[in-house]
Amino acid sequence: SLVRKAYVYSAKAHRGQVRTNGEPYLTHPLEVSYIVGQLRLDTASVCAGLLHDTVEDTGATLVEIEEQFGPDITFLVRGLTKLEKINFHSAEEAQAENFRKMLIAMSRDLRVILVKLSDRLHNMRTLRFLREEKQKRIAKETLEIYAPLANRLGIHWIKTELEDQCFKYLHGPEYRDLAESIKRTRLEREQYIERVIDALRRELSNNKIEGEVSGRPKHLWSIRQKIKKSGGGLDALFDILAFRVIVDEVAECYEVLGVVHSCWKPVP
């Protein structure tokens, strides 16, 4: 009922406003709150996702929000409004590491940062509707500040999507070339991943180890960084796939490593 109430409040507050792509502005807070839900945060955070732009962009006030939604949701909305107002006048002042630390210190509640990351993720998904100069500025800030922040917090799926979105806007031709190269070998790569997963499961079972096995191709930005580091091309890379085995005990990790090394010779 509280989420429904926040949705109705946000819809009324943003009525008549449209985004750059012509959609009703309400689509943005709705998508942000959906991402917050994917992060499995609490009801207050989902409501904050719906309300996060009301104080900044409409006639709504924090006093009004507190009356309607109570102190917890108001605290989150206030924190998000403060983050929105941070402006830097020079590259030195906005040095990414200091900014990340300050964001965390300022929030006093990690939920503020998580809703902010959700907000940035949806903005990156709709960045194509902005002019090029603004796209590059937002993508650069996202790559330097928000992607590492998601990484620091261990939210891998947000980190990787942010990095790939930034790659697309900061190095467009390179992004398209790499995406095309990866796409050409997709089927072969997926089949290889399945074969390795099957082999790993079989070997773990033979060694009486219970583990959850998964595999995935590394994301485009990660592959691009590896290519730059190696100085070769895509063909020269042998680690564009990653496999993961999750077990119950730390000791079992070493048993799994032993199994892996008995199947594949480690590269020093």
Protein backbone atom coordinates (compact mmCIF):
# COMPACT_ATOMS: atom_id res chain seq x y z
CA SER A 1 0.00 0.00 0.00
CA LEU A 2 2.92 2.35 0.74
CA VAL A 3 4.52 1.67 -2.67
CA ARG A 4 1.17 2.27 -4.38
CA LYS A 5 0.79 5.53 -2.43
CA ALA A 6 4.32 6.65 -3.46
CA TYR A 7 3.54 5.82 -7.10
CA VAL A 8 0.33 7.89 -7.06
CA TYR A 9 2.14 10.80 -5.31
CA SER A 10 4.98 10.70 -7.87
CA ALA A 11 2.50 10.51 -10.78
CA LYS A 12 0.69 13.62 -9.53
CA ALA A 13 3.92 15.52 -8.80
CA HIS A 14 5.43 14.78 -12.24
CA ARG A 15 2.18 15.21 -14.19
CA GLY A 16 2.81 17.10 -17.45
CA GLN A 17 6.60 16.59 -17.32
CA VAL A 18 8.27 14.66 -20.15
CA ARG A 19 11.74 13.16 -20.60
CA THR A 20 14.03 14.05 -23.52
CA ASN A 21 12.73 11.00 -25.42
CA GLY A 22 9.15 12.30 -25.18
CA GLU A 23 7.98 9.73 -22.61
CA PRO A 24 6.10 10.87 -19.48
CA TYR A 25 8.67 11.69 -16.78
CA LEU A 26 7.04 9.12 -14.50
CA THR A 27 8.64 6.28 -16.52
CA HIS A 28 12.01 7.20 -14.96
CA PRO A 29 11.11 6.91 -11.23
CA LEU A 30 9.11 3.79 -12.10
CA GLU A 31 12.15 2.13 -13.75
CA VAL A 32 14.44 3.25 -10.91
CA SER A 33 12.14 1.70 -8.30
CA TYR A 34 12.03 -1.50 -10.38
CA ILE A 35 15.85 -1.73 -10.32
CA VAL A 36 15.75 -1.06 -6.55
CA GLY A 37 13.34 -4.02 -6.35
CA GLN A 38 15.80 -6.18 -8.33
CA LEU A 39 18.39 -5.32 -5.66
CA ARG A 40 15.93 -6.74 -3.12
CA LEU A 41 15.94 -3.62 -0.97
CA ASP A 42 13.17 -2.73 1.48
CA THR A 43 9.84 -0.98 0.93
CA ALA A 44 11.27 2.41 1.99
CA SER A 45 13.96 2.15 -0.73
CA VAL A 46 11.41 1.25 -3.43
CA CYS A 47 9.33 4.27 -2.36
CA ALA A 48 12.46 6.48 -2.41
CA GLY A 49 13.06 5.27 -5.98
CA LEU A 50 9.59 6.48 -6.92
CA LEU A 51 9.97 9.80 -5.07
CA HIS A 52 13.65 10.58 -5.61
CA ASP A 53 13.14 13.44 -8.12
CA THR A 54 9.99 14.99 -6.64
CA VAL A 55 11.74 17.52 -4.35
CA GLU A 56 14.30 18.43 -7.02
CA ASP A 57 12.00 18.68 -10.05
CA THR A 58 8.48 19.42 -8.79
CA GLY A 59 6.70 21.55 -6.20
CA ALA A 60 6.89 18.75 -3.58
CA THR A 61 8.67 19.47 -0.30
CA LEU A 62 10.43 17.26 2.25
CA VAL A 63 7.93 18.44 4.88
CA GLU A 64 5.08 17.18 2.70
CA ILE A 65 6.84 13.88 2.04
CA GLU A 66 7.43 13.37 5.77
CA GLU A 67 3.77 14.01 6.50
CA GLN A 68 2.71 11.49 3.86
CA PHE A 69 5.44 8.83 4.15
CA GLY A 70 7.19 9.18 7.51
CA PRO A 71 10.81 9.84 8.57
CA ASP A 72 12.56 6.78 7.04
CA ILE A 73 11.48 7.43 3.43
CA THR A 74 12.03 11.19 3.90
CA PHE A 75 15.59 10.51 5.14
CA LEU A 76 16.35 8.57 1.92
CA VAL A 77 14.77 11.20 -0.36
CA ARG A 78 16.71 13.95 1.45
CA GLY A 79 19.96 12.02 1.00
CA LEU A 80 19.29 11.54 -2.73
CA THR A 81 18.42 15.23 -3.16
CA LYS A 82 21.74 16.18 -1.50
CA LEU A 83 23.71 13.88 -3.81
CA GLU A 84 21.97 15.46 -6.80
CA LYS A 85 23.25 18.90 -5.77
CA ILE A 86 26.96 18.03 -5.64
CA ASN A 87 28.80 20.01 -8.29
CA PHE A 88 32.54 20.17 -8.95
CA HIS A 89 34.40 22.97 -10.66
CA SER A 90 37.57 21.14 -11.63
CA ALA A 91 38.85 17.65 -12.40
CA GLU A 92 41.05 17.75 -9.27
CA GLU A 93 38.11 18.65 -7.08
CA ALA A 94 36.05 15.78 -8.51
CA GLN A 95 38.88 13.25 -8.26
CA ALA A 96 36.97 10.01 -8.50
CA GLU A 97 38.31 8.11 -5.48
CA ASN A 98 37.66 11.03 -3.12
CA PHE A 99 34.21 11.49 -4.58
CA ARG A 100 33.34 7.83 -4.05
CA LYS A 101 34.48 7.98 -0.42
CA MET A 102 32.53 11.18 0.11
CA LEU A 103 29.39 9.69 -1.42
CA ILE A 104 29.51 6.79 1.01
CA ALA A 105 30.33 9.02 3.99
CA MET A 106 27.58 11.49 3.09
CA SER A 107 24.86 8.94 2.64
CA ARG A 108 25.08 7.62 6.24
CA ASP A 109 22.77 4.92 4.95
CA LEU A 110 23.89 2.62 2.15
CA ARG A 111 20.36 2.50 0.75
CA VAL A 112 20.84 6.08 -0.51
CA ILE A 113 23.82 4.96 -2.61
CA LEU A 114 21.96 1.89 -3.90
CA VAL A 115 18.97 3.97 -5.04
CA LYS A 116 21.42 6.45 -6.62
CA LEU A 117 23.11 3.60 -8.52
CA SER A 118 19.68 2.45 -9.73
CA ASP A 119 18.96 6.02 -10.87
CA ARG A 120 22.27 6.22 -12.75
CA LEU A 121 21.74 2.81 -14.37
CA HIS A 122 18.38 3.86 -15.83
CA ASN A 123 19.84 7.18 -16.99
CA MET A 124 22.62 5.29 -18.80
CA ARG A 125 20.04 3.00 -20.44
CA THR A 126 18.31 6.07 -21.93
CA LEU A 127 21.41 8.18 -22.63
CA ARG A 128 20.98 7.91 -26.42
CA PHE A 129 18.33 10.63 -26.31
CA LEU A 130 20.78 13.30 -25.08
CA ARG A 131 23.16 15.34 -27.23
CA GLU A 132 26.61 13.83 -27.78
CA GLU A 133 28.58 16.23 -25.58
CA LYS A 134 26.29 15.46 -22.61
CA GLN A 135 26.43 11.71 -23.34
CA LYS A 136 30.24 11.76 -23.10
CA ARG A 137 30.28 13.84 -19.90
CA ILE A 138 27.77 11.56 -18.11
CA ALA A 139 29.46 8.38 -19.41
CA LYS A 140 32.89 9.58 -18.21
CA GLU A 141 31.52 10.41 -14.75
CA THR A 142 29.76 7.05 -14.60
CA LEU A 143 32.89 5.11 -15.58
CA GLU A 144 35.08 6.96 -13.07
CA ILE A 145 32.67 7.09 -10.14
CA TYR A 146 29.53 4.95 -10.30
CA ALA A 147 30.86 1.74 -11.93
CA PRO A 148 33.74 1.47 -9.39
CA LEU A 149 31.24 2.22 -6.62
CA ALA A 150 29.02 -0.68 -7.77
CA ASN A 151 32.16 -2.84 -7.90
CA ARG A 152 33.16 -1.78 -4.37
CA LEU A 153 29.72 -2.78 -3.15
CA GLY A 154 29.92 -6.14 -4.95
CA ILE A 155 27.00 -5.50 -7.34
CA HIS A 156 28.58 -7.09 -10.38
CA TRP A 157 25.58 -6.93 -12.75
CA ILE A 158 25.23 -3.16 -12.29
CA LYS A 159 29.00 -2.61 -12.61
CA THR A 160 29.23 -4.55 -15.88
CA GLU A 161 26.17 -2.91 -17.46
CA LEU A 162 27.39 0.57 -16.49
CA GLU A 163 30.85 -0.13 -17.94
CA ASP A 164 29.47 -1.48 -21.23
CA GLN A 165 27.07 1.46 -21.57
CA CYS A 166 29.96 3.90 -20.96
CA PHE A 167 32.13 2.05 -23.49
CA LYS A 168 29.38 2.50 -26.12
CA TYR A 169 29.25 6.29 -25.66
CA LEU A 170 32.95 7.01 -25.04
CA HIS A 171 34.46 4.75 -27.74
CA GLY A 172 31.59 4.10 -30.17
CA PRO A 173 33.43 2.64 -33.22
CA GLU A 174 35.64 0.44 -31.01
CA TYR A 175 32.56 -0.77 -29.09
CA ARG A 176 30.70 -1.69 -32.29
CA ASP A 177 33.72 -3.53 -33.77
CA LEU A 178 34.27 -5.57 -30.62
CA ALA A 179 30.55 -6.32 -30.20
CA GLU A 180 30.42 -7.56 -33.79
CA SER A 181 33.52 -9.77 -33.34
CA ILE A 182 32.11 -11.28 -30.15
CA LYS A 183 28.71 -11.81 -31.79
CA ARG A 184 30.25 -13.82 -34.66
CA THR A 185 31.65 -16.42 -32.23
CA ARG A 186 28.72 -16.38 -29.77
CA LEU A 187 27.30 -19.81 -30.57
CA GLU A 188 30.71 -21.48 -30.46
CA ARG A 189 31.46 -19.75 -27.13
CA GLU A 190 28.11 -20.76 -25.58
CA GLN A 191 28.65 -24.39 -26.59
CA TYR A 192 32.14 -24.32 -25.09
CA ILE A 193 30.80 -22.87 -21.82
CA GLU A 194 28.21 -25.70 -21.63
CA ARG A 195 30.89 -28.36 -22.24
CA VAL A 196 33.15 -26.97 -19.50
CA ILE A 197 30.26 -26.68 -17.02
CA ASP A 198 29.27 -30.32 -17.71
CA ALA A 199 32.88 -31.47 -17.28
CA LEU A 200 33.27 -29.52 -14.02
CA ARG A 201 30.01 -30.88 -12.58
CA ARG A 202 31.05 -34.42 -13.47
CA GLU A 203 34.48 -34.05 -11.84
CA LEU A 204 33.03 -32.42 -8.70
CA SER A 205 30.54 -35.29 -8.41
CA ASN A 206 33.35 -37.86 -8.82
CA ASN A 207 35.18 -36.13 -5.96
CA LYS A 208 32.00 -35.93 -3.83
CA ILE A 209 32.03 -32.10 -3.80
CA GLU A 210 28.68 -30.33 -3.92
CA GLY A 211 28.96 -27.05 -5.77
CA GLU A 212 27.00 -24.67 -7.95
CA VAL A 213 28.77 -24.25 -11.32
CA SER A 214 28.20 -21.38 -13.76
CA GLY A 215 30.01 -19.85 -16.71
CA ARG A 216 29.77 -16.63 -18.66
CA PRO A 217 31.60 -14.60 -21.31
CA LYS A 218 33.31 -11.54 -19.85
CA HIS A 219 31.63 -8.24 -20.69
CA LEU A 220 32.82 -5.99 -23.52
CA TRP A 221 34.57 -3.31 -21.42
CA SER A 222 36.51 -5.99 -19.54
CA ILE A 223 37.59 -7.61 -22.85
CA ARG A 224 38.58 -4.20 -24.23
CA GLN A 225 40.77 -3.52 -21.18
CA LYS A 226 42.44 -6.94 -21.58
CA ILE A 227 43.15 -6.28 -25.28
CA LYS A 228 44.74 -2.92 -24.38
CA LYS A 229 46.83 -4.51 -21.65
CA SER A 230 48.04 -7.41 -23.81
CA GLY A 231 48.74 -5.24 -26.84
CA GLY A 232 47.36 -8.00 -29.09
CA GLY A 233 43.95 -8.54 -30.64
CA LEU A 234 40.87 -10.47 -29.56
CA ASP A 235 42.33 -13.70 -31.00
CA ALA A 236 45.32 -13.45 -28.67
CA LEU A 237 43.14 -13.47 -25.53
CA PHE A 238 42.49 -16.80 -23.83
CA ASP A 239 40.58 -15.53 -20.80
CA ILE A 240 37.42 -13.96 -22.21
CA LEU A 241 35.35 -16.64 -20.48
CA ALA A 242 34.90 -16.98 -16.73
CA PHE A 243 33.70 -19.94 -14.68
CA ARG A 244 32.54 -19.92 -11.09
CA VAL A 245 32.04 -22.69 -8.58
CA ILE A 246 30.25 -21.84 -5.33
CA VAL A 247 30.67 -24.24 -2.40
CA ASP A 248 29.69 -24.16 1.27
CA GLU A 249 33.10 -24.11 2.97
CA VAL A 250 36.35 -22.23 2.34
CA ALA A 251 38.29 -25.52 2.54
CA GLU A 252 36.21 -26.85 -0.36
CA CYS A 253 37.40 -23.97 -2.53
CA TYR A 254 40.89 -25.46 -2.44
CA GLU A 255 39.51 -28.91 -3.25
CA VAL A 256 37.72 -27.43 -6.27
CA LEU A 257 40.93 -25.69 -7.35
CA GLY A 258 42.70 -29.05 -7.16
CA VAL A 259 40.01 -30.63 -9.34
CA VAL A 260 40.26 -27.79 -11.88
CA HIS A 261 44.06 -28.10 -12.04
CA SER A 262 43.78 -31.86 -12.57
CA CYS A 263 41.53 -31.21 -15.60
CA TRP A 264 43.31 -28.20 -17.10
CA LYS A 265 46.98 -27.34 -16.85
CA PRO A 266 47.32 -23.95 -15.11
CA VAL A 267 49.09 -21.16 -17.00
CA PRO A 268 51.84 -19.77 -14.74
